[in-house]
């Protein structure tokens, strides 16, 4: 059973930075695409960024493009989300997730339904 554990959330002022980490255990990490999603109070979960199993393909939501950067370290079974120039509207619980398709060479998916393992989430709060 794969377990994903996020860390690095917290309270930060607008224009500040945070770096989220997500470490996988109990299963294979390197052969799967992974992604970050977020959910703000009263809103649906939304895609933030995704990265292919090789790291060669990356996709961002338009709202974070140019400010956030996703990366992965397959040797450490860990993925990261570097968040810069944070805005109050970035406030949400951030979740990491692993896709269900192994060694998938198609486009990085934004569809939460294509991810079958999820972390418990980490809170990010951006004050104005």
Protein backbone atom coordinates (compact mmCIF):
# COMPACT_ATOMS: atom_id res chain seq x y z
CA UNK A 1 0.00 0.00 0.00
CA UNK A 2 1.47 3.30 -1.09
CA UNK A 3 1.55 6.07 1.48
CA UNK A 4 2.19 9.71 0.64
CA UNK A 5 3.10 12.22 3.34
CA UNK A 6 3.21 15.97 2.69
CA UNK A 7 5.17 18.50 4.69
CA UNK A 8 6.25 22.12 4.45
CA UNK A 9 2.94 23.94 4.74
CA UNK A 10 2.44 26.91 7.01
CA UNK A 11 1.54 30.56 7.33
CA UNK A 12 3.30 33.06 5.09
CA UNK A 13 2.76 36.66 4.06
CA UNK A 14 1.79 37.61 0.53
CA UNK A 15 4.77 37.53 -1.87
CA UNK A 16 6.50 35.03 0.39
CA UNK A 17 7.64 31.51 -0.47
CA UNK A 18 7.11 27.97 0.74
CA UNK A 19 8.44 24.62 -0.37
CA UNK A 20 6.20 21.59 -0.04
CA UNK A 21 7.55 18.05 0.02
CA UNK A 22 5.80 14.75 -0.49
CA UNK A 23 7.52 11.48 0.36
CA UNK A 24 6.23 8.11 -0.80
CA UNK A 25 6.63 4.78 0.96
CA UNK A 26 5.27 1.28 0.68
CA UNK A 27 5.28 1.09 -3.09
CA UNK A 28 6.81 2.20 -6.37
CA UNK A 29 7.31 5.91 -6.92
CA UNK A 30 9.68 6.27 -9.83
CA UNK A 31 7.46 4.71 -12.49
CA UNK A 32 4.44 6.92 -11.93
CA UNK A 33 3.40 10.44 -12.70
CA UNK A 34 2.65 12.55 -9.64
CA UNK A 35 0.87 15.79 -9.03
CA UNK A 36 -0.18 18.47 -6.57
CA UNK A 37 -3.77 19.51 -6.01
CA UNK A 38 -5.32 22.00 -3.61
CA UNK A 39 -8.68 22.61 -2.01
CA UNK A 40 -9.81 25.87 -0.50
CA UNK A 41 -12.76 26.09 1.92
CA UNK A 42 -16.04 25.80 0.07
CA UNK A 43 -14.35 25.03 -3.23
CA UNK A 44 -13.67 21.90 -5.24
CA UNK A 45 -10.25 20.29 -5.33
CA UNK A 46 -8.24 21.71 -8.19
CA UNK A 47 -5.14 20.70 -10.09
CA UNK A 48 -2.00 22.71 -9.36
CA UNK A 49 0.90 20.95 -11.11
CA UNK A 50 1.88 17.54 -12.42
CA UNK A 51 5.09 15.85 -13.49
CA UNK A 52 5.65 12.69 -15.52
CA UNK A 53 7.46 9.66 -14.12
CA UNK A 54 10.68 10.69 -15.86
CA UNK A 55 10.37 14.36 -14.95
CA UNK A 56 10.49 15.23 -18.63
CA UNK A 57 6.94 16.52 -18.86
CA UNK A 58 5.47 19.15 -16.52
CA UNK A 59 2.11 20.90 -16.53
CA UNK A 60 0.88 23.80 -14.38
CA UNK A 61 -2.48 25.36 -13.74
CA UNK A 62 -2.64 28.79 -15.32
CA UNK A 63 -3.14 30.37 -11.90
CA UNK A 64 0.30 29.24 -10.67
CA UNK A 65 2.33 29.26 -13.88
CA UNK A 66 5.50 31.28 -13.46
CA UNK A 67 5.24 31.25 -9.66
CA UNK A 68 5.28 27.56 -8.71
CA UNK A 69 7.74 24.84 -9.72
CA UNK A 70 7.22 21.10 -9.38
CA UNK A 71 10.11 18.65 -9.25
CA UNK A 72 10.86 15.11 -8.16
CA UNK A 73 13.74 13.05 -6.83
CA UNK A 74 13.08 9.43 -7.77
CA UNK A 75 16.03 8.22 -5.74
CA UNK A 76 14.44 9.65 -2.60
CA UNK A 77 10.84 8.86 -3.63
CA UNK A 78 10.06 12.51 -3.02
CA UNK A 79 8.38 15.28 -4.97
CA UNK A 80 8.45 19.00 -4.31
CA UNK A 81 6.43 22.11 -4.97
CA UNK A 82 8.35 25.36 -4.74
CA UNK A 83 5.84 28.17 -4.32
CA UNK A 84 7.00 31.75 -4.84
CA UNK A 85 5.16 35.08 -4.90
CA UNK A 86 2.34 33.56 -2.91
CA UNK A 87 -1.04 35.26 -2.94
CA UNK A 88 -3.94 35.10 -0.47
CA UNK A 89 -5.91 33.16 -3.10
CA UNK A 90 -3.31 30.38 -2.89
CA UNK A 91 -4.59 29.61 0.62
CA UNK A 92 -5.76 25.98 0.63
CA UNK A 93 -4.97 22.47 1.77
CA UNK A 94 -2.41 21.07 -0.64
CA UNK A 95 -2.43 17.38 -1.54
CA UNK A 96 0.10 15.27 -3.37
CA UNK A 97 -1.08 12.33 -5.44
CA UNK A 98 0.26 9.46 -7.54
CA UNK A 99 -1.21 8.44 -10.88
CA UNK A 100 -2.51 4.90 -11.35
CA UNK A 101 -0.83 4.34 -14.75
CA UNK A 102 2.71 3.00 -14.58
CA UNK A 103 5.34 4.14 -17.09
CA UNK A 104 2.76 6.32 -18.81
CA UNK A 105 4.25 8.32 -21.67
CA UNK A 106 1.15 10.35 -22.54
CA UNK A 107 0.41 13.91 -21.45
CA UNK A 108 0.46 14.77 -17.76
CA UNK A 109 -3.13 14.57 -16.56
CA UNK A 110 -4.98 17.28 -14.65
CA UNK A 111 -7.82 14.89 -13.85
CA UNK A 112 -7.96 13.95 -10.16
CA UNK A 113 -9.72 10.73 -11.13
CA UNK A 114 -6.51 9.47 -12.74
CA UNK A 115 -4.71 9.60 -9.38
CA UNK A 116 -5.35 6.72 -7.01
CA UNK A 117 -3.07 7.46 -4.05
CA UNK A 118 -3.31 10.66 -2.06
CA UNK A 119 -1.57 12.26 0.88
CA UNK A 120 -3.42 13.64 3.88
CA UNK A 121 -2.80 17.25 2.88
CA UNK A 122 -0.87 20.17 4.31
CA UNK A 123 -2.33 23.60 5.04
CA UNK A 124 -0.95 26.65 3.28
CA UNK A 125 -2.20 30.01 4.48
CA UNK A 126 -1.17 33.26 2.81
CA UNK A 127 -1.96 36.48 4.65
CA UNK A 128 -2.41 39.79 2.88
